[in-house]
Amino acid sequence: MPKQIDDEYYQRLHQIQAADFVLVELTLYLDTHPDDQDALQQFNQFSDYSKQLKQVFEAKYGPLMQFGVSNDPGPRWDWGRGPWPWQV
């Protein structure tokens, strides 16, 4: 018998998707503006917010992914700097 999914499931999932969308947009922006400290601060805030949302969701509904993802850039935006995995 399929598991029943309540409205809260979809609300929480929507919040996660919205936060992750902001992270994607900030990633694209920071790729071209790596020294923008305000954008980096926003990225870090949304990264923490996304982690919190996912922890709450996973505690109630189970895992969202089967593997971990590093989304904490630290004090500097280094994503665009090499080498890329296929370059090593």
N, C-alpha and C. Protein backbone atom coordinates (compact mmCIF):
# COMPACT_ATOMS: atom_id res chain seq x y z
N MET A 1 0.84 -1.17 0.00
CA MET A 1 0.00 0.00 0.00
C MET A 1 0.89 1.24 0.00
N PRO A 2 0.64 2.23 -0.88
CA PRO A 2 1.47 3.43 -0.94
C PRO A 2 1.37 4.26 0.35
N LYS A 3 2.45 4.92 0.67
CA LYS A 3 2.50 5.77 1.85
C LYS A 3 1.71 7.05 1.59
N GLN A 4 0.92 7.47 2.56
CA GLN A 4 0.16 8.71 2.45
C GLN A 4 1.09 9.90 2.69
N ILE A 5 0.99 10.90 1.85
CA ILE A 5 1.81 12.09 1.98
C ILE A 5 0.89 13.26 2.31
N ASP A 6 1.20 13.93 3.42
CA ASP A 6 0.35 15.05 3.85
C ASP A 6 0.76 16.36 3.18
N ASP A 7 -0.04 17.41 3.40
CA ASP A 7 0.22 18.71 2.79
C ASP A 7 1.53 19.32 3.28
N GLU A 8 1.89 19.03 4.53
CA GLU A 8 3.14 19.57 5.08
C GLU A 8 4.35 19.08 4.29
N TYR A 9 4.29 17.86 3.81
CA TYR A 9 5.37 17.30 2.99
C TYR A 9 5.64 18.21 1.80
N TYR A 10 4.60 18.57 1.09
CA TYR A 10 4.75 19.41 -0.10
C TYR A 10 5.16 20.84 0.25
N GLN A 11 4.66 21.35 1.37
CA GLN A 11 5.05 22.70 1.80
C GLN A 11 6.54 22.75 2.13
N ARG A 12 7.01 21.76 2.87
CA ARG A 12 8.43 21.72 3.24
C ARG A 12 9.30 21.51 2.00
N LEU A 13 8.87 20.65 1.11
CA LEU A 13 9.62 20.40 -0.11
C LEU A 13 9.69 21.68 -0.96
N HIS A 14 8.61 22.42 -1.01
CA HIS A 14 8.59 23.69 -1.74
C HIS A 14 9.58 24.69 -1.13
N GLN A 15 9.65 24.75 0.18
CA GLN A 15 10.60 25.65 0.85
C GLN A 15 12.04 25.27 0.50
N ILE A 16 12.33 23.98 0.47
CA ILE A 16 13.67 23.50 0.12
C ILE A 16 13.99 23.89 -1.32
N GLN A 17 13.05 23.66 -2.21
CA GLN A 17 13.27 23.99 -3.62
C GLN A 17 13.49 25.49 -3.81
N ALA A 18 12.76 26.31 -3.09
CA ALA A 18 12.92 27.77 -3.20
C ALA A 18 14.29 28.20 -2.70
N ALA A 19 14.71 27.67 -1.56
CA ALA A 19 16.02 28.01 -1.01
C ALA A 19 17.13 27.55 -1.95
N ASP A 20 17.01 26.36 -2.49
CA ASP A 20 18.02 25.85 -3.41
C ASP A 20 18.04 26.62 -4.72
N PHE A 21 16.90 27.13 -5.16
CA PHE A 21 16.86 27.98 -6.35
C PHE A 21 17.67 29.25 -6.12
N VAL A 22 17.50 29.84 -4.94
CA VAL A 22 18.27 31.04 -4.60
C VAL A 22 19.76 30.71 -4.62
N LEU A 23 20.14 29.54 -4.11
CA LEU A 23 21.55 29.15 -4.11
C LEU A 23 22.09 28.98 -5.52
N VAL A 24 21.30 28.43 -6.42
CA VAL A 24 21.73 28.29 -7.81
C VAL A 24 21.95 29.67 -8.43
N GLU A 25 21.01 30.58 -8.21
CA GLU A 25 21.14 31.93 -8.77
C GLU A 25 22.35 32.66 -8.19
N LEU A 26 22.56 32.53 -6.89
CA LEU A 26 23.72 33.17 -6.28
C LEU A 26 25.02 32.54 -6.77
N THR A 27 25.00 31.25 -7.03
CA THR A 27 26.18 30.58 -7.58
C THR A 27 26.54 31.18 -8.94
N LEU A 28 25.54 31.34 -9.79
CA LEU A 28 25.78 31.92 -11.11
C LEU A 28 26.30 33.35 -10.99
N TYR A 29 25.72 34.12 -10.08
CA TYR A 29 26.16 35.50 -9.88
C TYR A 29 27.60 35.53 -9.36
N LEU A 30 27.89 34.70 -8.36
CA LEU A 30 29.22 34.70 -7.77
C LEU A 30 30.28 34.19 -8.73
N ASP A 31 29.90 33.39 -9.69
CA ASP A 31 30.86 32.95 -10.71
C ASP A 31 31.41 34.13 -11.50
N THR A 32 30.61 35.18 -11.66
CA THR A 32 31.05 36.36 -12.41
C THR A 32 31.40 37.54 -11.50
N HIS A 33 31.05 37.44 -10.23
CA HIS A 33 31.34 38.50 -9.26
C HIS A 33 31.90 37.88 -7.97
N PRO A 34 33.03 37.19 -8.04
CA PRO A 34 33.53 36.42 -6.89
C PRO A 34 33.93 37.27 -5.69
N ASP A 35 34.12 38.56 -5.86
CA ASP A 35 34.53 39.41 -4.75
C ASP A 35 33.38 40.15 -4.08
N ASP A 36 32.15 39.86 -4.49
CA ASP A 36 30.97 40.51 -3.91
C ASP A 36 30.67 39.87 -2.55
N GLN A 37 31.12 40.51 -1.50
CA GLN A 37 30.97 39.95 -0.15
C GLN A 37 29.51 39.88 0.30
N ASP A 38 28.67 40.82 -0.14
CA ASP A 38 27.25 40.76 0.21
C ASP A 38 26.60 39.52 -0.38
N ALA A 39 26.92 39.23 -1.63
CA ALA A 39 26.36 38.04 -2.28
C ALA A 39 26.87 36.77 -1.61
N LEU A 40 28.14 36.77 -1.24
CA LEU A 40 28.71 35.61 -0.56
C LEU A 40 28.04 35.41 0.80
N GLN A 41 27.77 36.50 1.49
CA GLN A 41 27.07 36.40 2.77
C GLN A 41 25.66 35.84 2.57
N GLN A 42 24.97 36.31 1.54
CA GLN A 42 23.64 35.77 1.24
C GLN A 42 23.72 34.29 0.91
N PHE A 43 24.74 33.91 0.13
CA PHE A 43 24.92 32.50 -0.21
C PHE A 43 25.09 31.67 1.06
N ASN A 44 25.93 32.14 1.96
CA ASN A 44 26.17 31.39 3.20
C ASN A 44 24.91 31.31 4.06
N GLN A 45 24.14 32.39 4.11
CA GLN A 45 22.89 32.38 4.88
C GLN A 45 21.89 31.39 4.28
N PHE A 46 21.74 31.42 2.96
CA PHE A 46 20.79 30.50 2.33
C PHE A 46 21.29 29.06 2.38
N SER A 47 22.60 28.89 2.37
CA SER A 47 23.16 27.56 2.50
C SER A 47 22.80 26.97 3.87
N ASP A 48 22.96 27.78 4.92
CA ASP A 48 22.59 27.33 6.26
C ASP A 48 21.09 27.07 6.35
N TYR A 49 20.30 27.98 5.77
CA TYR A 49 18.84 27.83 5.78
C TYR A 49 18.42 26.55 5.06
N SER A 50 19.03 26.29 3.92
CA SER A 50 18.73 25.08 3.16
C SER A 50 19.07 23.83 3.97
N LYS A 51 20.22 23.85 4.64
CA LYS A 51 20.62 22.71 5.47
C LYS A 51 19.60 22.46 6.58
N GLN A 52 19.15 23.55 7.22
CA GLN A 52 18.17 23.42 8.30
C GLN A 52 16.86 22.84 7.77
N LEU A 53 16.39 23.37 6.64
CA LEU A 53 15.15 22.86 6.05
C LEU A 53 15.27 21.37 5.74
N LYS A 54 16.40 20.97 5.19
CA LYS A 54 16.61 19.57 4.82
C LYS A 54 16.70 18.67 6.04
N GLN A 55 17.33 19.16 7.10
CA GLN A 55 17.41 18.36 8.32
C GLN A 55 16.03 18.09 8.90
N VAL A 56 15.20 19.13 8.94
CA VAL A 56 13.84 18.98 9.46
C VAL A 56 13.04 18.03 8.57
N PHE A 57 13.15 18.23 7.25
CA PHE A 57 12.42 17.38 6.31
C PHE A 57 12.84 15.92 6.46
N GLU A 58 14.15 15.68 6.47
CA GLU A 58 14.65 14.31 6.52
C GLU A 58 14.33 13.63 7.84
N ALA A 59 14.27 14.38 8.93
CA ALA A 59 13.91 13.79 10.22
C ALA A 59 12.47 13.28 10.21
N LYS A 60 11.62 13.96 9.45
CA LYS A 60 10.21 13.56 9.42
C LYS A 60 9.87 12.60 8.28
N TYR A 61 10.51 12.82 7.10
CA TYR A 61 10.09 12.08 5.92
C TYR A 61 11.15 11.16 5.32
N GLY A 62 12.38 11.23 5.80
CA GLY A 62 13.43 10.39 5.24
C GLY A 62 14.36 11.18 4.35
N PRO A 63 15.43 10.53 3.88
CA PRO A 63 16.47 11.24 3.13
C PRO A 63 16.00 11.78 1.79
N LEU A 64 16.59 12.92 1.43
CA LEU A 64 16.33 13.53 0.14
C LEU A 64 17.32 13.04 -0.91
N MET A 65 18.52 12.65 -0.47
CA MET A 65 19.57 12.21 -1.37
C MET A 65 20.27 11.00 -0.77
N GLN A 66 20.97 10.30 -1.61
CA GLN A 66 21.70 9.14 -1.11
C GLN A 66 23.16 9.46 -0.81
N PHE A 67 23.57 10.70 -1.05
CA PHE A 67 24.96 11.09 -0.83
C PHE A 67 25.01 12.53 -0.34
N GLY A 68 26.13 12.93 0.22
CA GLY A 68 26.28 14.27 0.76
C GLY A 68 26.73 15.27 -0.28
N VAL A 69 26.50 16.53 0.02
CA VAL A 69 26.88 17.62 -0.88
C VAL A 69 27.55 18.71 -0.04
N SER A 70 28.69 19.19 -0.50
CA SER A 70 29.36 20.29 0.17
C SER A 70 28.85 21.60 -0.39
N ASN A 71 28.22 22.40 0.44
CA ASN A 71 27.73 23.69 -0.05
C ASN A 71 28.12 24.83 0.88
N ASP A 72 29.28 24.71 1.51
CA ASP A 72 29.78 25.76 2.39
C ASP A 72 31.09 26.28 1.82
N PRO A 73 31.06 27.42 1.12
CA PRO A 73 32.27 27.90 0.47
C PRO A 73 33.28 28.52 1.41
N GLY A 74 32.89 28.79 2.66
CA GLY A 74 33.80 29.44 3.58
C GLY A 74 33.89 30.93 3.31
N PRO A 75 35.03 31.55 3.64
CA PRO A 75 35.14 33.00 3.55
C PRO A 75 35.41 33.53 2.14
N ARG A 76 35.58 32.64 1.17
CA ARG A 76 35.94 33.07 -0.18
C ARG A 76 35.25 32.19 -1.22
N TRP A 77 34.88 32.76 -2.34
CA TRP A 77 34.22 32.01 -3.40
C TRP A 77 35.27 31.38 -4.29
N ASP A 78 35.46 30.05 -4.17
CA ASP A 78 36.50 29.35 -4.93
C ASP A 78 35.94 28.38 -5.96
N TRP A 79 34.63 28.33 -6.09
CA TRP A 79 34.02 27.34 -6.98
C TRP A 79 34.54 27.45 -8.40
N GLY A 80 34.71 28.66 -8.90
CA GLY A 80 35.12 28.86 -10.28
C GLY A 80 36.61 28.68 -10.53
N ARG A 81 37.36 28.50 -9.48
CA ARG A 81 38.80 28.32 -9.63
C ARG A 81 39.08 26.84 -9.81
N GLY A 82 40.03 26.52 -10.65
CA GLY A 82 40.38 25.12 -10.94
C GLY A 82 41.29 24.55 -9.88
N PRO A 83 41.67 23.32 -10.10
CA PRO A 83 41.28 22.54 -11.28
C PRO A 83 39.91 21.87 -11.08
N TRP A 84 39.22 21.68 -12.18
CA TRP A 84 37.96 20.95 -12.16
C TRP A 84 38.26 19.45 -12.07
N PRO A 85 37.32 18.66 -11.61
CA PRO A 85 37.60 17.22 -11.45
C PRO A 85 38.10 16.55 -12.72
N TRP A 86 37.64 16.98 -13.87
CA TRP A 86 38.06 16.35 -15.11
C TRP A 86 39.41 16.88 -15.61
N GLN A 87 39.96 17.85 -14.89
CA GLN A 87 41.25 18.40 -15.28
C GLN A 87 42.42 17.79 -14.48
N VAL A 88 42.13 16.97 -13.52
CA VAL A 88 43.20 16.39 -12.70
C VAL A 88 43.50 14.96 -13.12
